[in-house]
C-alpha atoms as a PDB file:
ATOM      1  CA  UNK A   1     -22.871 -65.321 -68.903  1.00  0.00           C
ATOM      2  CA  UNK A   2     -19.128 -66.629 -69.622  1.00  0.00           C
ATOM      3  CA  UNK A   3     -19.051 -64.465 -72.950  1.00  0.00           C
ATOM      4  CA  UNK A   4     -20.284 -61.470 -70.746  1.00  0.00           C
ATOM      5  CA  UNK A   5     -17.073 -61.926 -68.775  1.00  0.00           C
ATOM      6  CA  UNK A   6     -15.049 -62.424 -71.711  1.00  0.00           C
ATOM      7  CA  UNK A   7     -16.341 -59.394 -73.089  1.00  0.00           C
ATOM      8  CA  UNK A   8     -15.872 -57.301 -70.226  1.00  0.00           C
ATOM      9  CA  UNK A   9     -12.373 -58.367 -69.634  1.00  0.00           C
ATOM     10  CA  UNK A  10     -11.684 -57.210 -73.765  1.00  0.00           C
ATOM     11  CA  UNK A  11     -12.670 -53.930 -72.882  1.00  0.00           C
ATOM     12  CA  UNK A  12     -10.488 -53.454 -69.527  1.00  0.00           C
ATOM     13  CA  UNK A  13      -7.654 -54.507 -71.787  1.00  0.00           C
ATOM     14  CA  UNK A  14      -8.417 -51.983 -74.521  1.00  0.00           C
ATOM     15  CA  UNK A  15      -8.754 -49.189 -72.354  1.00  0.00           C
ATOM     16  CA  UNK A  16      -5.816 -50.247 -70.329  1.00  0.00           C
ATOM     17  CA  UNK A  17      -3.631 -50.149 -73.544  1.00  0.00           C
ATOM     18  CA  UNK A  18      -5.074 -46.781 -74.945  1.00  0.00           C
ATOM     19  CA  UNK A  19      -4.244 -45.201 -71.450  1.00  0.00           C
ATOM     20  CA  UNK A  20      -0.722 -46.462 -71.579  1.00  0.00           C
ATOM     21  CA  UNK A  21      -0.226 -45.403 -75.192  1.00  0.00           C
ATOM     22  CA  UNK A  22      -1.516 -41.784 -74.087  1.00  0.00           C
ATOM     23  CA  UNK A  23       0.689 -41.600 -71.033  1.00  0.00           C
ATOM     24  CA  UNK A  24       3.880 -42.300 -72.881  1.00  0.00           C
ATOM     25  CA  UNK A  25       5.669 -39.085 -73.912  1.00  0.00           C
ATOM     26  CA  UNK A  26       6.371 -37.970 -77.499  1.00  0.00           C
ATOM     27  CA  UNK A  27      10.037 -39.037 -78.443  1.00  0.00           C
ATOM     28  CA  UNK A  28      11.617 -35.748 -80.396  1.00  0.00           C
ATOM     29  CA  UNK A  29      15.020 -36.517 -81.736  1.00  0.00           C
ATOM     30  CA  UNK A  30      17.253 -33.418 -81.541  1.00  0.00           C
ATOM     31  CA  UNK A  31      18.514 -32.267 -84.830  1.00  0.00           C
ATOM     32  CA  UNK A  32      18.647 -33.743 -88.463  1.00  0.00           C
ATOM     33  CA  UNK A  33      21.148 -34.305 -90.598  1.00  0.00           C
ATOM     34  CA  UNK A  34      18.885 -34.603 -93.718  1.00  0.00           C
ATOM     35  CA  UNK A  35      17.877 -31.025 -93.099  1.00  0.00           C
ATOM     36  CA  UNK A  36      19.414 -27.965 -94.005  1.00  0.00           C
ATOM     37  CA  UNK A  37      17.717 -24.708 -92.619  1.00  0.00           C
ATOM     38  CA  UNK A  38      18.440 -20.801 -93.163  1.00  0.00           C
ATOM     39  CA  UNK A  39      16.740 -17.592 -91.565  1.00  0.00           C
ATOM     40  CA  UNK A  40      16.537 -14.182 -92.238  1.00  0.00           C
ATOM     41  CA  UNK A  41      14.597 -10.917 -90.812  1.00  0.00           C
ATOM     42  CA  UNK A  42      13.543  -9.143 -93.755  1.00  0.00           C
ATOM     43  CA  UNK A  43      12.262  -6.157 -92.305  1.00  0.00           C
ATOM     44  CA  UNK A  44      15.556  -5.637 -89.748  1.00  0.00           C
ATOM     45  CA  UNK A  45      18.353  -7.022 -91.689  1.00  0.00           C
ATOM     46  CA  UNK A  46      20.804  -5.266 -88.993  1.00  0.00           C
ATOM     47  CA  UNK A  47      19.304  -7.475 -86.460  1.00  0.00           C
ATOM     48  CA  UNK A  48      18.584  -4.597 -83.807  1.00  0.00           C
ATOM     49  CA  UNK A  49      14.723  -4.938 -82.625  1.00  0.00           C
ATOM     50  CA  UNK A  50      12.580  -2.501 -80.726  1.00  0.00           C
ATOM     51  CA  UNK A  51      10.869  -3.551 -77.817  1.00  0.00           C
ATOM     52  CA  UNK A  52       6.914  -3.732 -78.207  1.00  0.00           C
ATOM     53  CA  UNK A  53       7.162  -3.836 -82.218  1.00  0.00           C
ATOM     54  CA  UNK A  54       6.422  -7.064 -84.446  1.00  0.00           C
ATOM     55  CA  UNK A  55       9.479  -9.101 -85.451  1.00  0.00           C
ATOM     56  CA  UNK A  56       9.203 -10.859 -88.663  1.00  0.00           C
ATOM     57  CA  UNK A  57      11.134 -13.993 -89.991  1.00  0.00           C
ATOM     58  CA  UNK A  58      11.324 -16.251 -92.918  1.00  0.00           C
ATOM     59  CA  UNK A  59      12.645 -20.074 -92.397  1.00  0.00           C
ATOM     60  CA  UNK A  60      13.995 -22.185 -95.073  1.00  0.00           C
ATOM     61  CA  UNK A  61      14.270 -25.526 -95.072  1.00  0.00           C
ATOM     62  CA  UNK A  62      15.648 -27.953 -97.648  1.00  0.00           C
ATOM     63  CA  UNK A  63      15.334 -31.557 -97.542  1.00  0.00           C
ATOM     64  CA  UNK A  64      18.825 -33.350 -98.102  1.00  0.00           C
ATOM     65  CA  UNK A  65      17.472 -36.969 -97.395  1.00  0.00           C
ATOM     66  CA  UNK A  66      15.891 -39.476 -99.429  1.00  0.00           C
ATOM     67  CA  UNK A  67      12.567 -39.714 -97.774  1.00  0.00           C
ATOM     68  CA  UNK A  68       9.757 -36.950 -97.647  1.00  0.00           C
ATOM     69  CA  UNK A  69       9.863 -34.695 -94.182  1.00  0.00           C
ATOM     70  CA  UNK A  70       6.651 -32.956 -92.886  1.00  0.00           C
ATOM     71  CA  UNK A  71       7.317 -29.358 -91.297  1.00  0.00           C
ATOM     72  CA  UNK A  72       4.879 -29.173 -87.887  1.00  0.00           C
ATOM     73  CA  UNK A  73       5.450 -25.915 -86.174  1.00  0.00           C
ATOM     74  CA  UNK A  74       7.963 -23.236 -85.374  1.00  0.00           C
ATOM     75  CA  UNK A  75       8.478 -21.357 -82.046  1.00  0.00           C
ATOM     76  CA  UNK A  76      10.696 -18.709 -80.573  1.00  0.00           C
ATOM     77  CA  UNK A  77      11.968 -17.689 -77.138  1.00  0.00           C
ATOM     78  CA  UNK A  78      14.215 -14.684 -75.683  1.00  0.00           C
ATOM     79  CA  UNK A  79      17.031 -16.400 -73.389  1.00  0.00           C
ATOM     80  CA  UNK A  80      19.739 -14.633 -71.257  1.00  0.00           C
ATOM     81  CA  UNK A  81      22.912 -14.124 -73.279  1.00  0.00           C
ATOM     82  CA  UNK A  82      25.258 -15.806 -70.685  1.00  0.00           C
ATOM     83  CA  UNK A  83      22.826 -18.389 -68.979  1.00  0.00           C
ATOM     84  CA  UNK A  84      20.206 -20.430 -71.606  1.00  0.00           C
ATOM     85  CA  UNK A  85      18.242 -21.763 -68.698  1.00  0.00           C
ATOM     86  CA  UNK A  86      16.893 -18.074 -68.144  1.00  0.00           C
ATOM     87  CA  UNK A  87      14.279 -17.361 -70.434  1.00  0.00           C
ATOM     88  CA  UNK A  88      12.629 -14.116 -70.590  1.00  0.00           C
ATOM     89  CA  UNK A  89       9.619 -14.703 -73.032  1.00  0.00           C
ATOM     90  CA  UNK A  90       8.373 -18.034 -74.749  1.00  0.00           C
ATOM     91  CA  UNK A  91       6.382 -16.927 -77.799  1.00  0.00           C
ATOM     92  CA  UNK A  92       3.478 -18.744 -79.242  1.00  0.00           C
ATOM     93  CA  UNK A  93       4.443 -21.945 -81.218  1.00  0.00           C
ATOM     94  CA  UNK A  94       2.702 -21.633 -84.664  1.00  0.00           C
ATOM     95  CA  UNK A  95       1.545 -24.740 -86.651  1.00  0.00           C
ATOM     96  CA  UNK A  96       1.772 -25.364 -90.321  1.00  0.00           C
ATOM     97  CA  UNK A  97      -0.861 -28.313 -90.679  1.00  0.00           C
ATOM     98  CA  UNK A  98       1.886 -30.769 -91.973  1.00  0.00           C
ATOM     99  CA  UNK A  99       3.766 -29.035 -95.035  1.00  0.00           C
ATOM    100  CA  UNK A 100       5.562 -32.102 -96.758  1.00  0.00           C
ATOM    101  CA  UNK A 101       8.673 -31.204 -98.226  1.00  0.00           C
ATOM    102  CA  UNK A 102      10.274 -33.962-100.687  1.00  0.00           C
ATOM    103  CA  UNK A 103      13.445 -35.063-101.162  1.00  0.00           C
ATOM    104  CA  UNK A 104      15.882 -32.486-102.672  1.00  0.00           C
ATOM    105  CA  UNK A 105      12.782 -30.037-102.535  1.00  0.00           C
ATOM    106  CA  UNK A 106      12.971 -26.565-100.710  1.00  0.00           C
ATOM    107  CA  UNK A 107       9.949 -24.857 -98.592  1.00  0.00           C
ATOM    108  CA  UNK A 108       9.960 -21.441 -96.478  1.00  0.00           C
ATOM    109  CA  UNK A 109       7.864 -20.772 -93.444  1.00  0.00           C
ATOM    110  CA  UNK A 110       7.058 -17.159 -91.984  1.00  0.00           C
ATOM    111  CA  UNK A 111       7.104 -16.638 -88.115  1.00  0.00           C
ATOM    112  CA  UNK A 112       6.209 -13.350 -85.835  1.00  0.00           C
ATOM    113  CA  UNK A 113       6.780 -12.649 -82.420  1.00  0.00           C
ATOM    114  CA  UNK A 114       6.761  -9.328 -80.350  1.00  0.00           C
ATOM    115  CA  UNK A 115       9.327  -8.592 -77.600  1.00  0.00           C
ATOM    116  CA  UNK A 116       7.568  -7.047 -74.684  1.00  0.00           C
ATOM    117  CA  UNK A 117       7.323  -3.410 -74.795  1.00  0.00           C
ATOM    118  CA  UNK A 118       8.916  -3.427 -71.132  1.00  0.00           C
ATOM    119  CA  UNK A 119      11.915  -5.547 -72.075  1.00  0.00           C
ATOM    120  CA  UNK A 120      15.192  -3.343 -70.963  1.00  0.00           C
ATOM    121  CA  UNK A 121      17.219  -2.169 -74.135  1.00  0.00           C
ATOM    122  CA  UNK A 122      20.110  -4.683 -73.822  1.00  0.00           C
ATOM    123  CA  UNK A 123      21.514  -7.739 -75.583  1.00  0.00           C
ATOM    124  CA  UNK A 124      19.179 -11.210 -75.760  1.00  0.00           C
ATOM    125  CA  UNK A 125      19.631 -14.706 -77.074  1.00  0.00           C
ATOM    126  CA  UNK A 126      16.955 -15.395 -79.713  1.00  0.00           C
ATOM    127  CA  UNK A 127      16.089 -19.286 -80.128  1.00  0.00           C
ATOM    128  CA  UNK A 128      13.896 -20.601 -82.979  1.00  0.00           C
ATOM    129  CA  UNK A 129      12.964 -24.048 -82.715  1.00  0.00           C
ATOM    130  CA  UNK A 130      11.339 -26.290 -86.074  1.00  0.00           C
ATOM    131  CA  UNK A 131       9.352 -29.239 -85.471  1.00  0.00           C
ATOM    132  CA  UNK A 132       9.063 -31.935 -87.922  1.00  0.00           C
ATOM    133  CA  UNK A 133       8.863 -35.497 -88.889  1.00  0.00           C
ATOM    134  CA  UNK A 134       9.541 -38.355 -91.402  1.00  0.00           C
ATOM    135  CA  UNK A 135       8.993 -41.964 -91.456  1.00  0.00           C
ATOM    136  CA  UNK A 136      11.367 -42.370 -89.001  1.00  0.00           C
ATOM    137  CA  UNK A 137      10.849 -40.256 -86.306  1.00  0.00           C
ATOM    138  CA  UNK A 138       9.674 -36.783 -84.687  1.00  0.00           C
ATOM    139  CA  UNK A 139      12.757 -34.133 -84.634  1.00  0.00           C
ATOM    140  CA  UNK A 140      13.445 -30.983 -83.290  1.00  0.00           C
ATOM    141  CA  UNK A 141      15.787 -28.805 -85.501  1.00  0.00           C
ATOM    142  CA  UNK A 142      17.497 -25.426 -84.038  1.00  0.00           C
ATOM    143  CA  UNK A 143      17.226 -23.101 -86.721  1.00  0.00           C
ATOM    144  CA  UNK A 144      18.273 -19.731 -84.936  1.00  0.00           C
ATOM    145  CA  UNK A 145      20.484 -19.485 -81.544  1.00  0.00           C
ATOM    146  CA  UNK A 146      22.258 -16.145 -81.789  1.00  0.00           C
ATOM    147  CA  UNK A 147      22.288 -13.044 -79.802  1.00  0.00           C
ATOM    148  CA  UNK A 148      20.728  -9.942 -80.886  1.00  0.00           C
ATOM    149  CA  UNK A 149      20.193  -6.381 -79.481  1.00  0.00           C
ATOM    150  CA  UNK A 150      16.378  -5.133 -78.315  1.00  0.00           C
ATOM    151  CA  UNK A 151      16.022  -1.392 -78.333  1.00  0.00           C
ATOM    152  CA  UNK A 152      13.825   1.041 -76.398  1.00  0.00           C
ATOM    153  CA  UNK A 153      10.651   2.463 -78.357  1.00  0.00           C
ATOM    154  CA  UNK A 154      11.265   5.916 -79.727  1.00  0.00           C
ATOM    155  CA  UNK A 155       8.678   7.091 -77.740  1.00  0.00           C
ATOM    156  CA  UNK A 156      10.190   6.316 -74.515  1.00  0.00           C
ATOM    157  CA  UNK A 157      13.426   7.312 -75.707  1.00  0.00           C
ATOM    158  CA  UNK A 158      11.941  10.590 -76.093  1.00  0.00           C
ATOM    159  CA  UNK A 159      10.352  10.845 -72.835  1.00  0.00           C
ATOM    160  CA  UNK A 160      13.865   9.757 -71.186  1.00  0.00           C
ATOM    161  CA  UNK A 161      15.395  12.962 -73.025  1.00  0.00           C
ATOM    162  CA  UNK A 162      12.538  15.292 -71.936  1.00  0.00           C
ATOM    163  CA  UNK A 163      12.822  14.144 -68.602  1.00  0.00           C
ATOM    164  CA  UNK A 164      16.588  14.776 -68.730  1.00  0.00           C
ATOM    165  CA  UNK A 165      16.113  18.078 -70.062  1.00  0.00           C
ATOM    166  CA  UNK A 166      13.551  19.283 -67.464  1.00  0.00           C
ATOM    167  CA  UNK A 167      15.530  17.874 -64.800  1.00  0.00           C
ATOM    168  CA  UNK A 168      18.629  19.936 -66.196  1.00  0.00           C
ATOM    169  CA  UNK A 169      16.465  23.305 -66.223  1.00  0.00           C
ATOM    170  CA  UNK A 170      15.574  22.612 -62.785  1.00  0.00           C
ATOM    171  CA  UNK A 171      18.919  22.166 -61.172  1.00  0.00           C
ATOM    172  CA  UNK A 172      20.143  25.175 -63.534  1.00  0.00           C
ATOM    173  CA  UNK A 173      17.256  27.400 -61.714  1.00  0.00           C
ATOM    174  CA  UNK A 174      17.766  26.203 -58.126  1.00  0.00           C
ATOM    175  CA  UNK A 175      21.465  26.738 -58.640  1.00  0.00           C
ATOM    176  CA  UNK A 176      20.614  30.522 -59.802  1.00  0.00           C
ATOM    177  CA  UNK A 177      18.224  31.257 -57.280  1.00  0.00           C
ATOM    178  CA  UNK A 178      20.484  30.075 -54.587  1.00  0.00           C
ATOM    179  CA  UNK A 179      23.622  32.034 -56.076  1.00  0.00           C
ATOM    180  CA  UNK A 180      21.008  35.056 -56.029  1.00  0.00           C
ATOM    181  CA  UNK A 181      20.031  35.051 -52.386  1.00  0.00           C
ATOM    182  CA  UNK A 182      23.650  34.401 -51.318  1.00  0.00           C
ATOM    183  CA  UNK A 183      24.575  37.610 -53.861  1.00  0.00           C
ATOM    184  CA  UNK A 184      21.628  39.544 -52.063  1.00  0.00           C
ATOM    185  CA  UNK A 185      22.567  38.683 -48.382  1.00  0.00           C
ATOM    186  CA  UNK A 186      26.005  39.812 -49.083  1.00  0.00           C
ATOM    187  CA  UNK A 187      25.138  43.306 -50.496  1.00  0.00           C
ATOM    188  CA  UNK A 188      22.697  43.872 -47.412  1.00  0.00           C
ATOM    189  CA  UNK A 189      25.668  42.942 -44.930  1.00  0.00           C
ATOM    190  CA  UNK A 190      28.242  45.323 -46.693  1.00  0.00           C
ATOM    191  CA  UNK A 191      28.341  48.793 -44.739  1.00  0.00           C
ATOM    192  CA  UNK A 192      27.448  51.862 -46.954  1.00  0.00           C
ATOM    193  CA  UNK A 193      29.826  55.130 -47.356  1.00  0.00           C
ATOM    194  CA  UNK A 194      27.283  57.014 -45.670  1.00  0.00           C
ATOM    195  CA  UNK A 195      27.446  54.590 -42.294  1.00  0.00           C
ATOM    196  CA  UNK A 196      31.290  54.954 -42.415  1.00  0.00           C
ATOM    197  CA  UNK A 197      31.530  58.738 -42.903  1.00  0.00           C
ATOM    198  CA  UNK A 198      32.249  61.006 -39.859  1.00  0.00           C
ATOM    199  CA  UNK A 199      29.351  62.660 -38.349  1.00  0.00           C
ATOM    200  CA  UNK A 200      30.229  66.884 -38.001  1.00  0.00           C
ATOM    201  CA  UNK A 201      31.756  67.968 -34.736  1.00  0.00           C
ATOM    202  CA  UNK A 202      28.885  70.275 -33.781  1.00  0.00           C
ATOM    203  CA  UNK A 203      26.691  67.278 -33.754  1.00  0.00           C
ATOM    204  CA  UNK A 204      29.300  65.260 -32.099  1.00  0.00           C
ATOM    205  CA  UNK A 205      29.184  67.740 -29.740  1.00  0.00           C
ATOM    206  CA  UNK A 206      25.823  68.976 -29.312  1.00  0.00           C
ATOM    207  CA  UNK A 207      25.115  66.406 -25.946  1.00  0.00           C
ATOM    208  CA  UNK A 208      27.684  69.002 -24.222  1.00  0.00           C
ATOM    209  CA  UNK A 209      25.532  71.790 -25.072  1.00  0.00           C
ATOM    210  CA  UNK A 210      24.884  73.955 -21.666  1.00  0.00           C
ATOM    211  CA  UNK A 211      27.930  72.951 -19.986  1.00  0.00           C
ATOM    212  CA  UNK A 212      31.523  74.234 -19.451  1.00  0.00           C
ATOM    213  CA  UNK A 213      32.696  71.545 -22.043  1.00  0.00           C
ATOM    214  CA  UNK A 214      31.137  73.219 -24.513  1.00  0.00           C
ATOM    215  CA  UNK A 215      32.598  76.830 -24.329  1.00  0.00           C
ATOM    216  CA  UNK A 216      35.995  74.873 -24.348  1.00  0.00           C
ATOM    217  CA  UNK A 217      35.184  73.298 -27.765  1.00  0.00           C
ATOM    218  CA  UNK A 218      33.667  76.256 -29.340  1.00  0.00           C
ATOM    219  CA  UNK A 219      36.598  78.180 -28.360  1.00  0.00           C
ATOM    220  CA  UNK A 220      38.793  75.530 -30.119  1.00  0.00           C
ATOM    221  CA  UNK A 221      36.673  75.848 -33.229  1.00  0.00           C
ATOM    222  CA  UNK A 222      37.613  79.856 -33.356  1.00  0.00           C
ATOM    223  CA  UNK A 223      41.043  79.369 -33.118  1.00  0.00           C
ATOM    224  CA  UNK A 224      41.286  76.696 -35.879  1.00  0.00           C
ATOM    225  CA  UNK A 225      39.483  79.163 -38.335  1.00  0.00           C
ATOM    226  CA  UNK A 226      41.979  81.945 -37.628  1.00  0.00           C
END
């Protein structure tokens, strides 16, 4: 009975120790002076990237220390250029299954990500993080932390150009239509020469026919002819 009780206590103690071990956060040290890194964009040397298209990068790592290092993973994120806390996109961390780099040796890693196609064409801050460890601790090394440009996809640019062109044609057509209607109305409102021409005297005095005034005007007309 006593042996069973002691065994139960040992099991509880072991479980508690395992739980404490799991609950402790992983300690990661920022930076490592024994590591030198460099990064290039083989497909975008001008560092201008198109939204919705993959971006490939190559990271070179050199071990300047005296102990081997193990490369674990790479990850990238896109931030606001003036406020690093504002994150637009977090890209998937890529694991490398423990690439070991001996002292004075080098290794290269490849990584790719795709900026969202709906990103606005503007400047962003790209942050690339390398995780590794040596005999002492785990480390997080900043590989890249620089501003770059994201451009609109060509298809979206063509659609915008077409929209601007069609809008310009529509405005020009509307102006022409309004101008034509105004000109037409002005023409209809202008009196013709025939409207201003004086009616013949005979026509003007037809309403006096049969009256004494009619013979008076007839006599004046005859006098003028002579």
